[in-house]
N, C-alpha and C. Protein backbone atom coordinates (compact mmCIF):
# COMPACT_ATOMS: atom_id res chain seq x y z
N MET A 1 0.84 -1.17 0.00
CA MET A 1 0.00 0.00 0.00
C MET A 1 0.89 1.24 0.00
N GLN A 2 0.61 2.14 -0.90
CA GLN A 2 1.39 3.36 -1.03
C GLN A 2 0.68 4.51 -0.33
N SER A 3 1.42 5.28 0.43
CA SER A 3 0.80 6.40 1.13
C SER A 3 0.81 7.64 0.25
N ALA A 4 -0.19 8.49 0.45
CA ALA A 4 -0.30 9.73 -0.32
C ALA A 4 0.67 10.76 0.26
N PRO A 5 1.20 11.64 -0.58
CA PRO A 5 2.09 12.67 -0.06
C PRO A 5 1.32 13.64 0.84
N ILE A 6 2.03 14.15 1.83
CA ILE A 6 1.42 15.10 2.76
C ILE A 6 1.56 16.50 2.18
N ARG A 7 0.43 17.20 2.08
CA ARG A 7 0.44 18.57 1.55
C ARG A 7 0.79 19.56 2.66
N SER A 8 1.47 20.61 2.25
CA SER A 8 1.87 21.64 3.19
C SER A 8 1.83 23.00 2.51
N PHE A 9 1.29 23.99 3.20
CA PHE A 9 1.28 25.37 2.73
C PHE A 9 2.15 26.17 3.70
N GLU A 10 3.16 26.85 3.16
CA GLU A 10 4.13 27.52 4.01
C GLU A 10 4.36 28.96 3.56
N TYR A 11 4.54 29.81 4.55
CA TYR A 11 4.88 31.22 4.33
C TYR A 11 5.95 31.54 5.36
N LYS A 12 7.20 31.67 4.91
CA LYS A 12 8.31 31.90 5.84
C LYS A 12 9.20 33.01 5.32
N ASN A 13 9.58 33.89 6.24
CA ASN A 13 10.63 34.85 5.96
C ASN A 13 11.35 35.14 7.27
N ALA A 14 12.22 36.13 7.30
CA ALA A 14 13.02 36.41 8.50
C ALA A 14 12.19 36.99 9.64
N PHE A 15 10.97 37.44 9.38
CA PHE A 15 10.12 38.06 10.39
C PHE A 15 9.08 37.12 10.97
N LEU A 16 8.51 36.27 10.14
CA LEU A 16 7.37 35.46 10.58
C LEU A 16 7.28 34.17 9.78
N TYR A 17 6.49 33.27 10.31
CA TYR A 17 6.19 32.07 9.54
C TYR A 17 4.79 31.57 9.89
N VAL A 18 4.15 30.99 8.90
CA VAL A 18 2.90 30.27 9.07
C VAL A 18 3.04 29.00 8.23
N VAL A 19 2.87 27.87 8.87
CA VAL A 19 2.93 26.58 8.18
C VAL A 19 1.65 25.84 8.51
N ILE A 20 0.98 25.36 7.47
CA ILE A 20 -0.23 24.57 7.66
C ILE A 20 -0.01 23.28 6.88
N ARG A 21 0.11 22.19 7.62
CA ARG A 21 0.46 20.90 7.01
C ARG A 21 -0.63 19.86 7.25
N GLU A 22 -0.91 19.12 6.22
CA GLU A 22 -1.87 18.03 6.34
C GLU A 22 -1.36 17.06 7.41
N GLU A 23 -2.27 16.59 8.26
CA GLU A 23 -1.87 15.72 9.36
C GLU A 23 -2.82 14.52 9.44
N PRO A 24 -2.58 13.49 8.62
CA PRO A 24 -3.48 12.32 8.59
C PRO A 24 -3.63 11.62 9.94
N GLU A 25 -2.60 11.70 10.79
CA GLU A 25 -2.68 11.05 12.10
C GLU A 25 -3.76 11.66 12.99
N LEU A 26 -4.17 12.89 12.70
CA LEU A 26 -5.21 13.55 13.49
C LEU A 26 -6.62 13.27 12.95
N GLY A 27 -6.69 12.58 11.84
CA GLY A 27 -7.98 12.24 11.26
C GLY A 27 -8.10 12.75 9.84
N PRO A 28 -9.15 12.32 9.14
CA PRO A 28 -9.33 12.76 7.75
C PRO A 28 -9.60 14.27 7.68
N ASP A 29 -9.11 14.89 6.64
CA ASP A 29 -9.28 16.33 6.43
C ASP A 29 -8.77 17.16 7.62
N SER A 30 -7.69 16.70 8.25
CA SER A 30 -7.11 17.40 9.39
C SER A 30 -5.75 17.99 9.01
N TRP A 31 -5.52 19.17 9.53
CA TRP A 31 -4.30 19.90 9.24
C TRP A 31 -3.72 20.43 10.55
N LEU A 32 -2.40 20.61 10.57
CA LEU A 32 -1.70 21.18 11.71
C LEU A 32 -1.31 22.61 11.36
N TYR A 33 -1.71 23.56 12.20
CA TYR A 33 -1.45 24.98 11.97
C TYR A 33 -0.36 25.43 12.95
N CYS A 34 0.75 25.97 12.42
CA CYS A 34 1.86 26.44 13.25
C CYS A 34 2.23 27.85 12.83
N CYS A 35 2.58 28.70 13.80
CA CYS A 35 2.97 30.07 13.47
C CYS A 35 3.96 30.59 14.50
N GLY A 36 4.69 31.63 14.09
CA GLY A 36 5.64 32.24 15.00
C GLY A 36 6.20 33.52 14.41
N ILE A 37 6.90 34.26 15.25
CA ILE A 37 7.54 35.51 14.84
C ILE A 37 8.97 35.52 15.33
N ASN A 38 9.78 36.33 14.68
CA ASN A 38 11.15 36.53 15.11
C ASN A 38 11.18 37.84 15.90
N LEU A 39 11.31 37.73 17.20
CA LEU A 39 11.30 38.91 18.07
C LEU A 39 12.47 39.84 17.77
N SER A 40 13.61 39.28 17.37
CA SER A 40 14.76 40.13 17.04
C SER A 40 14.43 41.06 15.89
N ARG A 41 13.73 40.55 14.89
CA ARG A 41 13.36 41.37 13.73
C ARG A 41 12.26 42.37 14.08
N PHE A 42 11.23 41.90 14.79
CA PHE A 42 10.12 42.78 15.12
C PHE A 42 10.48 43.80 16.19
N CYS A 43 11.56 43.55 16.92
CA CYS A 43 12.00 44.51 17.94
C CYS A 43 12.29 45.86 17.30
N ARG A 44 12.78 45.86 16.08
CA ARG A 44 13.07 47.10 15.38
C ARG A 44 11.81 47.92 15.12
N LEU A 45 10.69 47.24 15.07
CA LEU A 45 9.41 47.92 14.86
C LEU A 45 8.72 48.26 16.18
N SER A 46 8.89 47.42 17.17
CA SER A 46 8.11 47.56 18.39
C SER A 46 8.85 48.21 19.55
N TRP A 47 10.06 48.65 19.33
CA TRP A 47 10.85 49.24 20.40
C TRP A 47 10.12 50.44 20.99
N ARG A 48 9.91 50.40 22.30
CA ARG A 48 9.23 51.46 23.06
C ARG A 48 7.77 51.68 22.63
N LYS A 49 7.15 50.66 22.07
CA LYS A 49 5.76 50.79 21.64
C LYS A 49 4.80 50.15 22.65
N GLY A 50 5.32 49.49 23.64
CA GLY A 50 4.47 48.86 24.63
C GLY A 50 5.14 48.88 25.98
N GLY A 51 4.40 48.56 26.99
CA GLY A 51 4.95 48.53 28.34
C GLY A 51 5.60 47.20 28.64
N ILE A 52 5.90 47.01 29.89
CA ILE A 52 6.51 45.76 30.33
C ILE A 52 5.54 44.62 30.02
N CYS A 53 6.07 43.58 29.43
CA CYS A 53 5.31 42.36 29.09
C CYS A 53 4.19 42.62 28.08
N SER A 54 4.30 43.67 27.29
CA SER A 54 3.25 43.92 26.30
C SER A 54 3.85 44.25 24.94
N ASN A 55 4.81 43.47 24.53
CA ASN A 55 5.42 43.63 23.22
C ASN A 55 4.33 43.45 22.17
N PRO A 56 4.12 44.43 21.29
CA PRO A 56 3.05 44.32 20.29
C PRO A 56 3.21 43.12 19.35
N ALA A 57 4.44 42.73 19.06
CA ALA A 57 4.64 41.58 18.19
C ALA A 57 4.23 40.28 18.88
N VAL A 58 4.58 40.15 20.15
CA VAL A 58 4.18 38.95 20.91
C VAL A 58 2.66 38.93 21.05
N ARG A 59 2.09 40.08 21.38
CA ARG A 59 0.64 40.14 21.53
C ARG A 59 -0.05 39.83 20.20
N GLY A 60 0.54 40.29 19.10
CA GLY A 60 -0.03 40.02 17.79
C GLY A 60 -0.08 38.55 17.47
N ILE A 61 0.99 37.82 17.77
CA ILE A 61 1.00 36.39 17.46
C ILE A 61 0.07 35.63 18.41
N GLN A 62 -0.08 36.12 19.64
CA GLN A 62 -1.02 35.49 20.56
C GLN A 62 -2.46 35.69 20.09
N LEU A 63 -2.77 36.91 19.65
CA LEU A 63 -4.12 37.18 19.15
C LEU A 63 -4.41 36.41 17.86
N LEU A 64 -3.36 36.14 17.10
CA LEU A 64 -3.55 35.44 15.83
C LEU A 64 -4.25 34.10 16.03
N ARG A 65 -3.91 33.38 17.07
CA ARG A 65 -4.57 32.08 17.31
C ARG A 65 -6.08 32.25 17.44
N THR A 66 -6.52 33.26 18.16
CA THR A 66 -7.94 33.51 18.32
C THR A 66 -8.57 33.90 16.99
N HIS A 67 -7.88 34.78 16.26
CA HIS A 67 -8.38 35.22 14.95
C HIS A 67 -8.46 34.06 13.97
N VAL A 68 -7.47 33.17 14.01
CA VAL A 68 -7.47 32.00 13.13
C VAL A 68 -8.64 31.08 13.47
N ALA A 69 -8.87 30.86 14.75
CA ALA A 69 -9.98 29.99 15.16
C ALA A 69 -11.32 30.57 14.68
N ALA A 70 -11.49 31.88 14.80
CA ALA A 70 -12.73 32.53 14.35
C ALA A 70 -12.86 32.45 12.83
N PHE A 71 -11.78 32.72 12.11
CA PHE A 71 -11.80 32.64 10.65
C PHE A 71 -12.11 31.21 10.20
N ALA A 72 -11.46 30.25 10.84
CA ALA A 72 -11.69 28.84 10.49
C ALA A 72 -13.16 28.46 10.69
N ALA A 73 -13.74 28.90 11.80
CA ALA A 73 -15.15 28.59 12.07
C ALA A 73 -16.06 29.16 10.99
N LYS A 74 -15.77 30.39 10.55
CA LYS A 74 -16.58 31.01 9.49
C LYS A 74 -16.47 30.24 8.18
N GLN A 75 -15.34 29.56 7.99
CA GLN A 75 -15.11 28.79 6.77
C GLN A 75 -15.57 27.34 6.90
N GLY A 76 -16.18 26.98 8.03
CA GLY A 76 -16.69 25.63 8.23
C GLY A 76 -15.66 24.66 8.78
N MET A 77 -14.54 25.16 9.24
CA MET A 77 -13.52 24.31 9.85
C MET A 77 -13.66 24.34 11.36
N ILE A 78 -13.03 23.39 12.00
CA ILE A 78 -13.00 23.34 13.46
C ILE A 78 -11.54 23.45 13.88
N ALA A 79 -11.25 24.43 14.75
CA ALA A 79 -9.89 24.62 15.27
C ALA A 79 -9.87 24.15 16.73
N ALA A 80 -8.88 23.33 17.05
CA ALA A 80 -8.77 22.80 18.41
C ALA A 80 -7.31 22.73 18.82
N LYS A 81 -7.08 22.74 20.12
CA LYS A 81 -5.73 22.58 20.64
C LYS A 81 -5.23 21.18 20.28
N THR A 82 -3.93 21.09 20.13
CA THR A 82 -3.33 19.78 19.87
C THR A 82 -2.65 19.28 21.13
N LYS A 83 -2.54 17.99 21.23
CA LYS A 83 -1.86 17.40 22.37
C LYS A 83 -0.72 16.52 21.86
N ASP A 84 0.40 16.65 22.50
CA ASP A 84 1.55 15.80 22.19
C ASP A 84 2.00 15.86 20.74
N ILE A 85 1.88 17.02 20.12
CA ILE A 85 2.36 17.21 18.75
C ILE A 85 3.60 18.10 18.82
N ASP A 86 4.70 17.59 18.30
CA ASP A 86 5.92 18.38 18.27
C ASP A 86 6.04 19.00 16.88
N ALA A 87 5.88 20.30 16.81
CA ALA A 87 5.93 21.00 15.53
C ALA A 87 7.28 21.67 15.28
N ALA A 88 8.30 21.31 16.06
CA ALA A 88 9.61 21.95 15.94
C ALA A 88 10.21 21.79 14.55
N SER A 89 9.91 20.70 13.89
CA SER A 89 10.48 20.48 12.55
C SER A 89 9.91 21.45 11.51
N LEU A 90 8.75 22.03 11.79
CA LEU A 90 8.11 22.94 10.84
C LEU A 90 8.57 24.39 11.03
N ALA A 91 9.09 24.70 12.21
CA ALA A 91 9.44 26.07 12.56
C ALA A 91 10.87 26.41 12.16
N PRO A 92 11.11 27.68 11.83
CA PRO A 92 12.49 28.12 11.58
C PRO A 92 13.31 27.99 12.88
N HIS A 93 14.59 27.76 12.71
CA HIS A 93 15.47 27.63 13.86
C HIS A 93 16.41 28.83 13.93
N GLY A 94 16.87 29.12 15.11
CA GLY A 94 17.80 30.21 15.28
C GLY A 94 17.36 31.12 16.42
N HIS A 95 18.10 32.17 16.60
CA HIS A 95 17.88 33.10 17.70
C HIS A 95 16.65 33.99 17.46
N GLY A 96 15.87 34.21 18.51
CA GLY A 96 14.81 35.21 18.47
C GLY A 96 13.42 34.72 18.11
N TRP A 97 13.25 33.46 17.78
CA TRP A 97 11.93 32.98 17.36
C TRP A 97 11.02 32.72 18.55
N TYR A 98 9.80 33.18 18.44
CA TYR A 98 8.75 32.95 19.44
C TYR A 98 7.64 32.19 18.72
N HIS A 99 7.27 31.04 19.27
CA HIS A 99 6.31 30.16 18.61
C HIS A 99 5.05 30.02 19.45
N GLN A 100 3.94 29.84 18.78
CA GLN A 100 2.69 29.51 19.44
C GLN A 100 2.49 28.00 19.36
N ASP A 101 1.74 27.46 20.30
CA ASP A 101 1.41 26.03 20.22
C ASP A 101 0.57 25.80 18.97
N PRO A 102 0.76 24.67 18.33
CA PRO A 102 0.01 24.40 17.10
C PRO A 102 -1.48 24.18 17.36
N LEU A 103 -2.25 24.40 16.33
CA LEU A 103 -3.69 24.12 16.34
C LEU A 103 -3.97 22.98 15.38
N CYS A 104 -5.00 22.21 15.68
CA CYS A 104 -5.49 21.20 14.76
C CYS A 104 -6.70 21.78 14.05
N LEU A 105 -6.69 21.71 12.73
CA LEU A 105 -7.82 22.18 11.93
C LEU A 105 -8.49 20.96 11.31
N LYS A 106 -9.77 20.81 11.58
CA LYS A 106 -10.53 19.67 11.03
C LYS A 106 -11.57 20.18 10.04
N GLN A 107 -12.01 19.30 9.18
CA GLN A 107 -12.98 19.61 8.13
C GLN A 107 -12.43 20.70 7.20
N ALA A 108 -11.16 20.58 6.90
CA ALA A 108 -10.49 21.58 6.07
C ALA A 108 -10.25 21.03 4.67
N THR A 109 -10.27 21.93 3.71
CA THR A 109 -9.93 21.59 2.34
C THR A 109 -8.71 22.42 1.94
N PRO A 110 -7.97 21.99 0.94
CA PRO A 110 -6.82 22.79 0.50
C PRO A 110 -7.19 24.23 0.14
N GLU A 111 -8.35 24.45 -0.45
CA GLU A 111 -8.78 25.80 -0.80
C GLU A 111 -8.97 26.66 0.45
N ARG A 112 -9.60 26.09 1.46
CA ARG A 112 -9.80 26.81 2.73
C ARG A 112 -8.47 27.08 3.42
N ILE A 113 -7.57 26.13 3.33
CA ILE A 113 -6.25 26.28 3.95
C ILE A 113 -5.47 27.41 3.28
N ARG A 114 -5.54 27.50 1.96
CA ARG A 114 -4.87 28.60 1.24
C ARG A 114 -5.39 29.96 1.72
N GLU A 115 -6.72 30.05 1.85
CA GLU A 115 -7.32 31.30 2.32
C GLU A 115 -6.91 31.60 3.77
N LEU A 116 -6.85 30.57 4.58
CA LEU A 116 -6.44 30.75 5.97
C LEU A 116 -4.99 31.22 6.06
N LEU A 117 -4.14 30.70 5.21
CA LEU A 117 -2.74 31.13 5.18
C LEU A 117 -2.64 32.62 4.86
N LYS A 118 -3.33 33.05 3.82
CA LYS A 118 -3.32 34.47 3.45
C LYS A 118 -3.89 35.33 4.59
N PHE A 119 -5.01 34.91 5.13
CA PHE A 119 -5.62 35.63 6.24
C PHE A 119 -4.64 35.76 7.40
N SER A 120 -3.98 34.67 7.77
CA SER A 120 -3.08 34.65 8.92
C SER A 120 -1.94 35.65 8.78
N VAL A 121 -1.29 35.63 7.64
CA VAL A 121 -0.16 36.53 7.42
C VAL A 121 -0.62 37.98 7.49
N MET A 122 -1.67 38.29 6.76
CA MET A 122 -2.13 39.69 6.72
C MET A 122 -2.68 40.15 8.07
N ASP A 123 -3.37 39.27 8.78
CA ASP A 123 -3.90 39.63 10.09
C ASP A 123 -2.77 39.89 11.08
N LEU A 124 -1.76 39.05 11.07
CA LEU A 124 -0.63 39.24 11.97
C LEU A 124 0.08 40.56 11.69
N VAL A 125 0.39 40.82 10.43
CA VAL A 125 1.08 42.06 10.07
C VAL A 125 0.22 43.27 10.43
N ARG A 126 -1.05 43.23 10.12
CA ARG A 126 -1.96 44.34 10.43
C ARG A 126 -2.04 44.57 11.94
N THR A 127 -2.18 43.51 12.71
CA THR A 127 -2.31 43.61 14.16
C THR A 127 -1.07 44.22 14.80
N VAL A 128 0.10 43.82 14.34
CA VAL A 128 1.34 44.35 14.91
C VAL A 128 1.57 45.79 14.46
N LEU A 129 1.37 46.05 13.17
CA LEU A 129 1.68 47.38 12.66
C LEU A 129 0.72 48.46 13.14
N VAL A 130 -0.51 48.11 13.48
CA VAL A 130 -1.44 49.13 13.96
C VAL A 130 -0.91 49.78 15.24
N VAL A 131 -0.10 49.06 16.00
CA VAL A 131 0.51 49.62 17.21
C VAL A 131 1.90 50.19 16.90
N CYS A 132 2.69 49.44 16.15
CA CYS A 132 4.09 49.82 15.93
C CYS A 132 4.28 50.94 14.92
N VAL A 133 3.57 50.85 13.83
CA VAL A 133 3.69 51.85 12.76
C VAL A 133 2.28 52.17 12.27
N PRO A 134 1.52 52.94 13.06
CA PRO A 134 0.11 53.16 12.75
C PRO A 134 -0.16 53.76 11.37
N ASP A 135 0.76 54.52 10.83
CA ASP A 135 0.56 55.15 9.53
C ASP A 135 1.00 54.28 8.35
N ALA A 136 1.49 53.09 8.64
CA ALA A 136 1.99 52.22 7.56
C ALA A 136 0.84 51.78 6.67
N ARG A 137 1.13 51.74 5.39
CA ARG A 137 0.13 51.24 4.43
C ARG A 137 0.34 49.75 4.24
N ILE A 138 -0.62 49.00 4.70
CA ILE A 138 -0.56 47.55 4.59
C ILE A 138 -0.76 47.18 3.12
N PRO A 139 0.02 46.24 2.60
CA PRO A 139 -0.18 45.84 1.20
C PRO A 139 -1.61 45.39 0.94
N THR A 140 -2.18 45.83 -0.17
CA THR A 140 -3.56 45.44 -0.50
C THR A 140 -3.59 44.12 -1.25
N VAL A 141 -2.51 43.81 -1.95
CA VAL A 141 -2.37 42.53 -2.65
C VAL A 141 -1.47 41.65 -1.79
N PHE A 142 -1.85 40.40 -1.65
CA PHE A 142 -1.09 39.48 -0.81
C PHE A 142 0.32 39.29 -1.38
N PRO A 143 1.34 39.76 -0.64
CA PRO A 143 2.72 39.63 -1.14
C PRO A 143 3.29 38.25 -0.82
N ASP A 144 4.24 37.82 -1.66
CA ASP A 144 4.91 36.57 -1.31
C ASP A 144 5.82 36.84 -0.11
N ALA A 145 6.41 35.80 0.45
CA ALA A 145 7.18 35.93 1.69
C ALA A 145 8.36 36.89 1.54
N ALA A 146 9.05 36.84 0.42
CA ALA A 146 10.21 37.72 0.20
C ALA A 146 9.76 39.18 0.10
N GLU A 147 8.66 39.43 -0.60
CA GLU A 147 8.15 40.80 -0.71
C GLU A 147 7.72 41.34 0.65
N MET A 148 7.08 40.50 1.46
CA MET A 148 6.67 40.93 2.80
C MET A 148 7.89 41.24 3.65
N GLN A 149 8.92 40.45 3.53
CA GLN A 149 10.14 40.71 4.29
C GLN A 149 10.73 42.06 3.90
N LYS A 150 10.80 42.35 2.61
CA LYS A 150 11.33 43.64 2.16
C LYS A 150 10.46 44.79 2.69
N TYR A 151 9.16 44.60 2.66
CA TYR A 151 8.24 45.62 3.16
C TYR A 151 8.51 45.89 4.65
N LEU A 152 8.56 44.83 5.46
CA LEU A 152 8.78 45.00 6.90
C LEU A 152 10.17 45.57 7.18
N GLU A 153 11.16 45.16 6.41
CA GLU A 153 12.50 45.73 6.58
C GLU A 153 12.50 47.22 6.29
N SER A 154 11.75 47.63 5.28
CA SER A 154 11.72 49.06 4.95
C SER A 154 11.11 49.86 6.09
N LEU A 155 10.14 49.30 6.78
CA LEU A 155 9.55 49.98 7.93
C LEU A 155 10.49 49.97 9.12
N SER A 156 11.15 48.86 9.32
CA SER A 156 12.02 48.76 10.50
C SER A 156 13.25 49.63 10.36
N ILE A 157 13.75 49.80 9.17
CA ILE A 157 14.91 50.67 8.98
C ILE A 157 14.53 52.10 9.36
N THR A 158 13.40 52.56 8.90
CA THR A 158 12.94 53.91 9.23
C THR A 158 12.74 54.04 10.73
N GLU A 159 12.06 53.10 11.32
CA GLU A 159 11.80 53.15 12.75
C GLU A 159 13.10 53.10 13.54
N GLU A 160 14.03 52.26 13.15
CA GLU A 160 15.30 52.14 13.86
C GLU A 160 16.09 53.43 13.76
N ARG A 161 16.14 54.03 12.59
CA ARG A 161 16.87 55.28 12.40
C ARG A 161 16.27 56.37 13.30
N GLU A 162 14.94 56.47 13.31
CA GLU A 162 14.29 57.47 14.16
C GLU A 162 14.56 57.21 15.63
N ARG A 163 14.56 55.96 16.03
CA ARG A 163 14.82 55.60 17.42
C ARG A 163 16.23 55.99 17.82
N VAL A 164 17.20 55.69 16.98
CA VAL A 164 18.59 56.02 17.28
C VAL A 164 18.77 57.53 17.36
N MET A 165 18.17 58.24 16.42
CA MET A 165 18.31 59.70 16.44
C MET A 165 17.66 60.29 17.70
N ALA A 166 16.50 59.80 18.08
CA ALA A 166 15.83 60.29 19.29
C ALA A 166 16.66 59.95 20.53
N TYR A 167 17.22 58.77 20.56
CA TYR A 167 18.07 58.36 21.67
C TYR A 167 19.29 59.27 21.78
N GLU A 168 19.91 59.54 20.65
CA GLU A 168 21.09 60.42 20.65
C GLU A 168 20.72 61.83 21.08
N ARG A 169 19.62 62.36 20.58
CA ARG A 169 19.18 63.70 20.99
C ARG A 169 18.94 63.76 22.49
N GLU A 170 18.27 62.76 23.00
CA GLU A 170 17.95 62.71 24.43
C GLU A 170 19.22 62.63 25.27
N ASN A 171 20.15 61.81 24.87
CA ASN A 171 21.39 61.64 25.64
C ASN A 171 22.33 62.84 25.50
N LEU A 172 22.32 63.49 24.34
CA LEU A 172 23.19 64.65 24.15
C LEU A 172 22.68 65.85 24.95
N THR A 173 21.37 65.99 25.05
CA THR A 173 20.81 67.13 25.80
C THR A 173 20.92 66.91 27.29
N ASN A 174 20.93 65.66 27.72
CA ASN A 174 21.01 65.35 29.16
C ASN A 174 22.46 65.22 29.63
N ALA A 175 23.41 65.25 28.71
CA ALA A 175 24.83 65.03 29.10
C ALA A 175 25.47 66.27 29.65
């Protein structure tokens, strides 16, 4: 008996990742949803934008799970917590990554999963940027992962330059 290949939809760049992989072990039409952000990269956007324990990027990825569950329900899917699933192989490795526990999506189709992937990326970026860079124009067309990385880098460079200049002004006047 030959097994069918496992389908996977992935969106990864240096700032964020969303991976939704078919998971036959969880039942028919079941998928594993994994997401995370790179705090080192988002720090350039969120520096001094929140108080203690309220990093907008961390809060954004936490809210994403709730938003994904609501979006999935509207699409006829069921989102549930997973137990004893190690999703480390799906996540990027290295310094600065913050991951959420995976979700199990049931009654899902590849078409719904594609829409959920697009929704997830755009919702996460919108949620974080509304706090970090409120005047930023969110892309209206869904960008590929490399384009999104360039977009976020362009915002972080501006924010970082302004932060450094403000820091220098503050320290020079107080010296």
